[in-house]
């Protein structure tokens, strides 16, 4: 069961999907990557992808910042 959970969290998604998930533009996703808030994406062929776990981790950090907890 754990291995199945790990496989889902390491799924790669497009930057368009990341932008949709975060409710921002694709350009903002590139800015977050350049700023270091999101990790450098992986290139798969001609496509650029981020792992679901990286995006989820970023989202959780945002929620903690909103609550006043520094990471």
C-alpha atoms as a PDB file:
ATOM      1  CA  UNK A   1       0.000   0.000   0.000  1.00  0.00           C
ATOM      2  CA  UNK A   2       2.848   2.411   0.828  1.00  0.00           C
ATOM      3  CA  UNK A   3       4.584   1.766  -2.498  1.00  0.00           C
ATOM      4  CA  UNK A   4       1.333   2.558  -4.298  1.00  0.00           C
ATOM      5  CA  UNK A   5       1.044   5.825  -2.354  1.00  0.00           C
ATOM      6  CA  UNK A   6       4.670   6.716  -3.223  1.00  0.00           C
ATOM      7  CA  UNK A   7       4.031   6.052  -6.907  1.00  0.00           C
ATOM      8  CA  UNK A   8       1.085   8.446  -6.927  1.00  0.00           C
ATOM      9  CA  UNK A   9       2.993  11.196  -5.100  1.00  0.00           C
ATOM     10  CA  UNK A  10       5.901  10.903  -7.576  1.00  0.00           C
ATOM     11  CA  UNK A  11       3.631  11.251 -10.574  1.00  0.00           C
ATOM     12  CA  UNK A  12       4.819  13.956 -12.957  1.00  0.00           C
ATOM     13  CA  UNK A  13       2.466  16.694 -14.104  1.00  0.00           C
ATOM     14  CA  UNK A  14       2.736  19.452 -16.698  1.00  0.00           C
ATOM     15  CA  UNK A  15       3.317  23.076 -15.805  1.00  0.00           C
ATOM     16  CA  UNK A  16      -0.159  23.834 -17.166  1.00  0.00           C
ATOM     17  CA  UNK A  17      -1.578  21.417 -14.593  1.00  0.00           C
ATOM     18  CA  UNK A  18       0.576  22.953 -11.855  1.00  0.00           C
ATOM     19  CA  UNK A  19      -0.726  26.406 -12.796  1.00  0.00           C
ATOM     20  CA  UNK A  20      -4.300  25.156 -12.705  1.00  0.00           C
ATOM     21  CA  UNK A  21      -3.779  23.468  -9.316  1.00  0.00           C
ATOM     22  CA  UNK A  22      -2.295  26.656  -7.811  1.00  0.00           C
ATOM     23  CA  UNK A  23      -4.806  28.938  -9.618  1.00  0.00           C
ATOM     24  CA  UNK A  24      -2.028  30.973 -11.232  1.00  0.00           C
ATOM     25  CA  UNK A  25      -0.734  31.458 -14.761  1.00  0.00           C
ATOM     26  CA  UNK A  26       1.933  29.280 -16.340  1.00  0.00           C
ATOM     27  CA  UNK A  27       4.191  32.348 -16.329  1.00  0.00           C
ATOM     28  CA  UNK A  28       3.803  32.575 -12.543  1.00  0.00           C
ATOM     29  CA  UNK A  29       4.843  28.923 -12.261  1.00  0.00           C
ATOM     30  CA  UNK A  30       8.035  29.750 -14.184  1.00  0.00           C
ATOM     31  CA  UNK A  31       8.621  32.715 -11.849  1.00  0.00           C
ATOM     32  CA  UNK A  32       8.194  30.471  -8.784  1.00  0.00           C
ATOM     33  CA  UNK A  33      10.753  28.080 -10.269  1.00  0.00           C
ATOM     34  CA  UNK A  34      13.198  30.930 -11.008  1.00  0.00           C
ATOM     35  CA  UNK A  35      12.749  32.282  -7.478  1.00  0.00           C
ATOM     36  CA  UNK A  36      13.421  28.839  -6.004  1.00  0.00           C
ATOM     37  CA  UNK A  37       9.982  28.409  -4.455  1.00  0.00           C
ATOM     38  CA  UNK A  38       9.391  25.421  -6.735  1.00  0.00           C
ATOM     39  CA  UNK A  39      12.211  23.053  -7.727  1.00  0.00           C
ATOM     40  CA  UNK A  40      13.686  22.928 -11.207  1.00  0.00           C
ATOM     41  CA  UNK A  41      11.357  20.915 -13.414  1.00  0.00           C
ATOM     42  CA  UNK A  42      12.275  17.640 -15.082  1.00  0.00           C
ATOM     43  CA  UNK A  43      12.485  17.449 -18.842  1.00  0.00           C
ATOM     44  CA  UNK A  44      10.810  14.395 -20.299  1.00  0.00           C
ATOM     45  CA  UNK A  45      11.424  14.438 -24.027  1.00  0.00           C
ATOM     46  CA  UNK A  46      10.178  17.836 -25.169  1.00  0.00           C
ATOM     47  CA  UNK A  47       7.917  18.222 -22.137  1.00  0.00           C
ATOM     48  CA  UNK A  48       8.621  19.925 -18.819  1.00  0.00           C
ATOM     49  CA  UNK A  49       7.181  18.316 -15.673  1.00  0.00           C
ATOM     50  CA  UNK A  50       7.107  18.691 -11.890  1.00  0.00           C
ATOM     51  CA  UNK A  51       6.305  15.948  -9.426  1.00  0.00           C
ATOM     52  CA  UNK A  52       3.001  16.069  -7.615  1.00  0.00           C
ATOM     53  CA  UNK A  53       4.846  15.774  -4.287  1.00  0.00           C
ATOM     54  CA  UNK A  54       6.928  18.911  -5.030  1.00  0.00           C
ATOM     55  CA  UNK A  55       3.807  20.925  -5.824  1.00  0.00           C
ATOM     56  CA  UNK A  56       1.972  19.563  -2.784  1.00  0.00           C
ATOM     57  CA  UNK A  57       4.946  20.440  -0.558  1.00  0.00           C
ATOM     58  CA  UNK A  58       4.957  24.010  -1.908  1.00  0.00           C
ATOM     59  CA  UNK A  59       1.202  24.286  -1.313  1.00  0.00           C
ATOM     60  CA  UNK A  60       1.588  23.045   2.284  1.00  0.00           C
ATOM     61  CA  UNK A  61       4.337  25.654   2.902  1.00  0.00           C
ATOM     62  CA  UNK A  62       1.941  28.344   1.666  1.00  0.00           C
ATOM     63  CA  UNK A  63      -0.730  27.151   4.095  1.00  0.00           C
ATOM     64  CA  UNK A  64       1.763  27.218   6.990  1.00  0.00           C
ATOM     65  CA  UNK A  65       2.856  30.755   6.051  1.00  0.00           C
ATOM     66  CA  UNK A  66      -0.766  31.850   6.071  1.00  0.00           C
ATOM     67  CA  UNK A  67      -1.093  30.447   9.595  1.00  0.00           C
ATOM     68  CA  UNK A  68       2.002  32.373  10.659  1.00  0.00           C
ATOM     69  CA  UNK A  69       4.298  29.363  10.967  1.00  0.00           C
ATOM     70  CA  UNK A  70       7.672  29.834   9.287  1.00  0.00           C
ATOM     71  CA  UNK A  71       9.155  26.849   7.492  1.00  0.00           C
END
